Structures are given as structure tokens and as C-alpha cells.
Amino acid sequence: MTSDPRPGRPAGSPRTDPARRTDPARRMDAFRRSETPRRVSVTSPRTAAARRPRYPATREIDEQTRLGEVYMRSLLRTQFRLALFVCTVLACVVGGLPLLFLLIPELREVDVLGVSLPWAVLAGLIYPAFVIGAWLYVRQAERNERHFAELVERR
């Protein structure tokens, strides 16, 4: 063994003895060859970490932030699309009846309980179609609002 030129160091320490020095690659190989895996025990997990405060989407809507505006715009767009669809269907039915009677003149001559078919359809059968359309519209609008509420609560 060589003696350390500096006082206070024992002879043969890894810093002074070139034979005992190990480079990082040799240490890694020795670690990989070891039979028992190295264990790490966690004594205290960090549970007091700062968590992001829950900021509900309903608050975004109430405070009229940009995100709240996006949510409301999506609901309004969905409801508007539904209203346009229902109005278009009813307009096609109501507007299509005169066209139907114009294109098929034999239908104008048919009598139902003493009333001509065009008058019977326009005076009596069109109103149940309006009621059914309104009922379907309300049902679908409520479904859209439920989906919107679920979306807002999920966030």
C-alpha cells in the first residue's frame, strides 16, 4: 500500500489507491450483477402537496368567463339546430300539402264526412301534427339540457 502524502488519510483509501478506484461504468456492472435488488422504503409520502382547487364549470358559466361562454354557446347552438329541424319538418308538411293537392287534382275531389279532403287535412289533421312536433321538440330539448348538465358536472 502506498501512503497518502496528505496527513489524516488512511493508507489504501479509494481516493489514494489507484487499484481501488472504480469508474461509474464498473460500479453499474457490479450493481447489475448483485443478486439482491436494492430496496427503497418510502417513509412519508407527500400528502400535503398543493392541489389545484376544483373550479366547477357552473362557476365559469355564472361568472361569464370565456369557457362559460363556450359552454353556453354550444348549448344554444344545439337547441337552435333542433328548433330549425322541427320548424323545417313542419314547414315542409304544411307547405307540401297545397303542393300535393295541386299536383294530384283527384285528391281535391275526395270528400271525408261531407268535407273536402284539403279542408279536412288543413282544419283537423294538421293540428295533431303540430302537437306531436312540439312534444318531440320538448323531449329532445330536455335531453340536450341533460347532456349539457352532465358535461358541466363531469368537468
C-alpha atoms as a PDB file:
ATOM      1  CA  MET A   1       0.000   0.000   0.000  1.00  0.00           C
ATOM      2  CA  THR A   2       1.042   3.482  -0.655  1.00  0.00           C
ATOM      3  CA  SER A   3       0.978   6.084   1.980  1.00  0.00           C
ATOM      4  CA  ASP A   4      -1.098   9.191   1.493  1.00  0.00           C
ATOM      5  CA  PRO A   5       1.050  12.271   1.111  1.00  0.00           C
ATOM      6  CA  ARG A   6      -1.668  14.268   2.844  1.00  0.00           C
ATOM      7  CA  PRO A   7      -1.982  13.789   6.565  1.00  0.00           C
ATOM      8  CA  GLY A   8      -5.225  12.412   8.012  1.00  0.00           C
ATOM      9  CA  ARG A   9      -5.947   9.981   5.163  1.00  0.00           C
ATOM     10  CA  PRO A  10      -5.572   6.288   5.837  1.00  0.00           C
ATOM     11  CA  ALA A  11      -3.373   4.354   3.526  1.00  0.00           C
ATOM     12  CA  GLY A  12      -5.208   2.378   0.859  1.00  0.00           C
ATOM     13  CA  SER A  13      -8.307   4.592   0.625  1.00  0.00           C
ATOM     14  CA  PRO A  14     -10.071   4.663  -2.778  1.00  0.00           C
ATOM     15  CA  ARG A  15      -9.004   8.243  -3.353  1.00  0.00           C
ATOM     16  CA  THR A  16      -5.342   7.482  -2.986  1.00  0.00           C
ATOM     17  CA  ASP A  17      -5.053   3.874  -4.092  1.00  0.00           C
ATOM     18  CA  PRO A  18      -5.371   3.625  -7.907  1.00  0.00           C
ATOM     19  CA  ALA A  19      -6.097  -0.099  -7.651  1.00  0.00           C
ATOM     20  CA  ARG A  20      -9.218   0.511  -5.551  1.00  0.00           C
ATOM     21  CA  ARG A  21     -10.611   3.330  -7.653  1.00  0.00           C
ATOM     22  CA  THR A  22     -13.725   2.455  -9.674  1.00  0.00           C
ATOM     23  CA  ASP A  23     -15.222   4.341 -12.553  1.00  0.00           C
ATOM     24  CA  PRO A  24     -19.045   4.698 -12.883  1.00  0.00           C
ATOM     25  CA  ALA A  25     -19.321   2.000 -15.549  1.00  0.00           C
ATOM     26  CA  ARG A  26     -17.626  -0.572 -13.269  1.00  0.00           C
ATOM     27  CA  ARG A  27     -19.935   0.388 -10.406  1.00  0.00           C
ATOM     28  CA  MET A  28     -23.033  -0.066 -12.618  1.00  0.00           C
ATOM     29  CA  ASP A  29     -21.842  -3.508 -13.717  1.00  0.00           C
ATOM     30  CA  ALA A  30     -21.299  -4.503 -10.103  1.00  0.00           C
ATOM     31  CA  PHE A  31     -24.796  -3.224  -9.237  1.00  0.00           C
ATOM     32  CA  ARG A  32     -26.368  -5.185 -12.066  1.00  0.00           C
ATOM     33  CA  ARG A  33     -24.575  -8.370 -11.049  1.00  0.00           C
ATOM     34  CA  SER A  34     -25.704  -8.173  -7.442  1.00  0.00           C
ATOM     35  CA  GLU A  35     -28.216 -10.857  -6.551  1.00  0.00           C
ATOM     36  CA  THR A  36     -30.490  -8.922  -4.244  1.00  0.00           C
ATOM     37  CA  PRO A  37     -32.327  -5.944  -5.684  1.00  0.00           C
ATOM     38  CA  ARG A  38     -31.888  -2.674  -3.944  1.00  0.00           C
ATOM     39  CA  ARG A  39     -34.882  -1.703  -1.844  1.00  0.00           C
ATOM     40  CA  VAL A  40     -36.163   1.755  -1.267  1.00  0.00           C
ATOM     41  CA  SER A  41     -38.575   2.472   1.536  1.00  0.00           C
ATOM     42  CA  VAL A  42     -40.829   5.477   1.478  1.00  0.00           C
ATOM     43  CA  THR A  43     -41.462   6.660   4.972  1.00  0.00           C
ATOM     44  CA  SER A  44     -43.724   9.610   4.366  1.00  0.00           C
ATOM     45  CA  PRO A  45     -45.432  10.345   1.073  1.00  0.00           C
ATOM     46  CA  ARG A  46     -46.021  13.954   0.313  1.00  0.00           C
ATOM     47  CA  THR A  47     -49.725  14.227   1.008  1.00  0.00           C
ATOM     48  CA  ALA A  48     -49.809  17.916   1.788  1.00  0.00           C
ATOM     49  CA  ALA A  49     -48.920  18.830  -1.788  1.00  0.00           C
ATOM     50  CA  ALA A  50     -50.726  21.816  -3.149  1.00  0.00           C
ATOM     51  CA  ARG A  51     -53.643  20.598  -5.224  1.00  0.00           C
ATOM     52  CA  ARG A  52     -55.364  22.542  -7.901  1.00  0.00           C
ATOM     53  CA  PRO A  53     -58.589  23.864  -6.429  1.00  0.00           C
ATOM     54  CA  ARG A  54     -61.700  22.454  -8.033  1.00  0.00           C
ATOM     55  CA  TYR A  55     -63.254  25.167 -10.123  1.00  0.00           C
ATOM     56  CA  PRO A  56     -66.674  23.965 -11.258  1.00  0.00           C
ATOM     57  CA  ALA A  57     -67.862  24.728 -14.765  1.00  0.00           C
ATOM     58  CA  THR A  58     -71.092  26.147 -13.369  1.00  0.00           C
ATOM     59  CA  ARG A  59     -68.980  28.857 -11.789  1.00  0.00           C
ATOM     60  CA  GLU A  60     -67.412  29.509 -15.195  1.00  0.00           C
ATOM     61  CA  ILE A  61     -70.894  29.989 -16.624  1.00  0.00           C
ATOM     62  CA  ASP A  62     -72.085  32.153 -13.721  1.00  0.00           C
ATOM     63  CA  GLU A  63     -69.044  34.414 -13.911  1.00  0.00           C
ATOM     64  CA  GLN A  64     -69.386  34.611 -17.706  1.00  0.00           C
ATOM     65  CA  THR A  65     -65.782  33.678 -18.422  1.00  0.00           C
ATOM     66  CA  ARG A  66     -64.598  32.643 -21.863  1.00  0.00           C
ATOM     67  CA  LEU A  67     -65.026  28.972 -21.019  1.00  0.00           C
ATOM     68  CA  GLY A  68     -68.529  29.644 -19.690  1.00  0.00           C
ATOM     69  CA  GLU A  69     -69.359  31.434 -22.938  1.00  0.00           C
ATOM     70  CA  VAL A  70     -68.143  28.426 -24.926  1.00  0.00           C
ATOM     71  CA  TYR A  71     -70.341  26.105 -22.867  1.00  0.00           C
ATOM     72  CA  MET A  72     -73.411  28.306 -23.275  1.00  0.00           C
ATOM     73  CA  ARG A  73     -72.761  28.851 -26.976  1.00  0.00           C
ATOM     74  CA  SER A  74     -72.611  25.084 -27.518  1.00  0.00           C
ATOM     75  CA  LEU A  75     -75.922  24.569 -25.689  1.00  0.00           C
ATOM     76  CA  LEU A  76     -77.610  27.393 -27.594  1.00  0.00           C
ATOM     77  CA  ARG A  77     -76.251  26.114 -30.909  1.00  0.00           C
ATOM     78  CA  THR A  78     -77.589  22.625 -30.190  1.00  0.00           C
ATOM     79  CA  GLN A  79     -81.015  23.942 -29.190  1.00  0.00           C
ATOM     80  CA  PHE A  80     -81.117  26.240 -32.238  1.00  0.00           C
ATOM     81  CA  ARG A  81     -80.280  23.335 -34.562  1.00  0.00           C
ATOM     82  CA  LEU A  82     -83.084  21.308 -33.017  1.00  0.00           C
ATOM     83  CA  ALA A  83     -85.570  24.173 -33.397  1.00  0.00           C
ATOM     84  CA  LEU A  84     -84.575  24.654 -37.053  1.00  0.00           C
ATOM     85  CA  PHE A  85     -85.037  20.950 -37.716  1.00  0.00           C
ATOM     86  CA  VAL A  86     -88.516  20.792 -36.157  1.00  0.00           C
ATOM     87  CA  CYS A  87     -89.642  24.003 -37.913  1.00  0.00           C
ATOM     88  CA  THR A  88     -88.281  22.768 -41.234  1.00  0.00           C
ATOM     89  CA  VAL A  89     -90.141  19.467 -40.942  1.00  0.00           C
ATOM     90  CA  LEU A  90     -93.409  21.182 -40.021  1.00  0.00           C
ATOM     91  CA  ALA A  91     -92.969  23.791 -42.771  1.00  0.00           C
ATOM     92  CA  CYS A  92     -92.382  21.037 -45.314  1.00  0.00           C
ATOM     93  CA  VAL A  93     -95.504  19.210 -44.185  1.00  0.00           C
ATOM     94  CA  VAL A  94     -97.692  22.328 -44.110  1.00  0.00           C
ATOM     95  CA  GLY A  95     -96.185  23.780 -47.273  1.00  0.00           C
ATOM     96  CA  GLY A  96     -96.191  20.416 -49.016  1.00  0.00           C
ATOM     97  CA  LEU A  97     -99.909  19.821 -48.577  1.00  0.00           C
ATOM     98  CA  PRO A  98    -101.046  22.550 -51.010  1.00  0.00           C
ATOM     99  CA  LEU A  99     -98.381  21.378 -53.422  1.00  0.00           C
ATOM    100  CA  LEU A 100     -99.635  17.803 -53.066  1.00  0.00           C
ATOM    101  CA  PHE A 101    -103.226  18.887 -53.760  1.00  0.00           C
ATOM    102  CA  LEU A 102    -102.040  20.952 -56.722  1.00  0.00           C
ATOM    103  CA  LEU A 103    -100.073  18.105 -58.290  1.00  0.00           C
ATOM    104  CA  ILE A 104    -102.746  15.449 -57.694  1.00  0.00           C
ATOM    105  CA  PRO A 105    -106.086  17.064 -58.545  1.00  0.00           C
ATOM    106  CA  GLU A 106    -108.050  13.887 -57.771  1.00  0.00           C
ATOM    107  CA  LEU A 107    -107.357  14.424 -54.057  1.00  0.00           C
ATOM    108  CA  ARG A 108    -109.215  17.745 -54.173  1.00  0.00           C
ATOM    109  CA  GLU A 109    -112.375  15.924 -55.181  1.00  0.00           C
ATOM    110  CA  VAL A 110    -112.356  13.415 -52.274  1.00  0.00           C
ATOM    111  CA  ASP A 111    -114.910  14.072 -49.520  1.00  0.00           C
ATOM    112  CA  VAL A 112    -114.432  12.997 -45.892  1.00  0.00           C
ATOM    113  CA  LEU A 113    -117.682  13.170 -43.874  1.00  0.00           C
ATOM    114  CA  GLY A 114    -119.065  15.761 -46.226  1.00  0.00           C
ATOM    115  CA  VAL A 115    -115.921  17.980 -46.189  1.00  0.00           C
ATOM    116  CA  SER A 116    -113.354  18.043 -48.980  1.00  0.00           C
ATOM    117  CA  LEU A 117    -110.048  16.364 -48.144  1.00  0.00           C
ATOM    118  CA  PRO A 118    -107.870  19.525 -48.359  1.00  0.00           C
ATOM    119  CA  TRP A 119    -110.077  21.299 -45.811  1.00  0.00           C
ATOM    120  CA  ALA A 120    -110.248  18.248 -43.557  1.00  0.00           C
ATOM    121  CA  VAL A 121    -106.451  17.910 -43.570  1.00  0.00           C
ATOM    122  CA  LEU A 122    -105.761  21.621 -43.053  1.00  0.00           C
ATOM    123  CA  ALA A 123    -108.521  22.148 -40.482  1.00  0.00           C
ATOM    124  CA  GLY A 124    -108.231  18.964 -38.463  1.00  0.00           C
ATOM    125  CA  LEU A 125    -105.253  16.743 -39.149  1.00  0.00           C
ATOM    126  CA  ILE A 126    -102.555  19.404 -39.194  1.00  0.00           C
ATOM    127  CA  TYR A 127    -103.025  20.302 -35.514  1.00  0.00           C
ATOM    128  CA  PRO A 128    -102.168  16.843 -34.192  1.00  0.00           C
ATOM    129  CA  ALA A 129     -99.006  17.068 -36.311  1.00  0.00           C
ATOM    130  CA  PHE A 130     -98.153  20.375 -34.560  1.00  0.00           C
ATOM    131  CA  VAL A 131     -98.774  18.823 -31.136  1.00  0.00           C
ATOM    132  CA  ILE A 132     -96.624  15.776 -31.933  1.00  0.00           C
ATOM    133  CA  GLY A 133     -93.861  18.031 -33.308  1.00  0.00           C
ATOM    134  CA  ALA A 134     -93.975  20.209 -30.181  1.00  0.00           C
ATOM    135  CA  TRP A 135     -93.896  17.161 -27.905  1.00  0.00           C
ATOM    136  CA  LEU A 136     -90.880  15.719 -29.761  1.00  0.00           C
ATOM    137  CA  TYR A 137     -89.154  19.102 -29.642  1.00  0.00           C
ATOM    138  CA  VAL A 138     -89.603  19.473 -25.865  1.00  0.00           C
ATOM    139  CA  ARG A 139     -88.440  15.911 -25.276  1.00  0.00           C
ATOM    140  CA  GLN A 140     -85.287  16.373 -27.361  1.00  0.00           C
ATOM    141  CA  ALA A 141     -84.582  19.829 -25.866  1.00  0.00           C
ATOM    142  CA  GLU A 142     -84.741  18.352 -22.360  1.00  0.00           C
ATOM    143  CA  ARG A 143     -82.387  15.574 -23.450  1.00  0.00           C
ATOM    144  CA  ASN A 144     -79.945  18.184 -24.794  1.00  0.00           C
ATOM    145  CA  GLU A 145     -80.086  20.036 -21.477  1.00  0.00           C
ATOM    146  CA  ARG A 146     -79.452  16.808 -19.533  1.00  0.00           C
ATOM    147  CA  HIS A 147     -76.403  16.061 -21.682  1.00  0.00           C
ATOM    148  CA  PHE A 148     -75.194  19.619 -21.136  1.00  0.00           C
ATOM    149  CA  ALA A 149     -75.650  19.334 -17.359  1.00  0.00           C
ATOM    150  CA  GLU A 150     -73.711  16.042 -17.340  1.00  0.00           C
ATOM    151  CA  LEU A 151     -70.935  17.645 -19.368  1.00  0.00           C
ATOM    152  CA  VAL A 152     -70.693  20.577 -16.993  1.00  0.00           C
ATOM    153  CA  GLU A 153     -70.743  18.375 -13.880  1.00  0.00           C
ATOM    154  CA  ARG A 154     -68.123  15.975 -15.291  1.00  0.00           C
ATOM    155  CA  ARG A 155     -65.548  18.702 -15.794  1.00  0.00           C
END
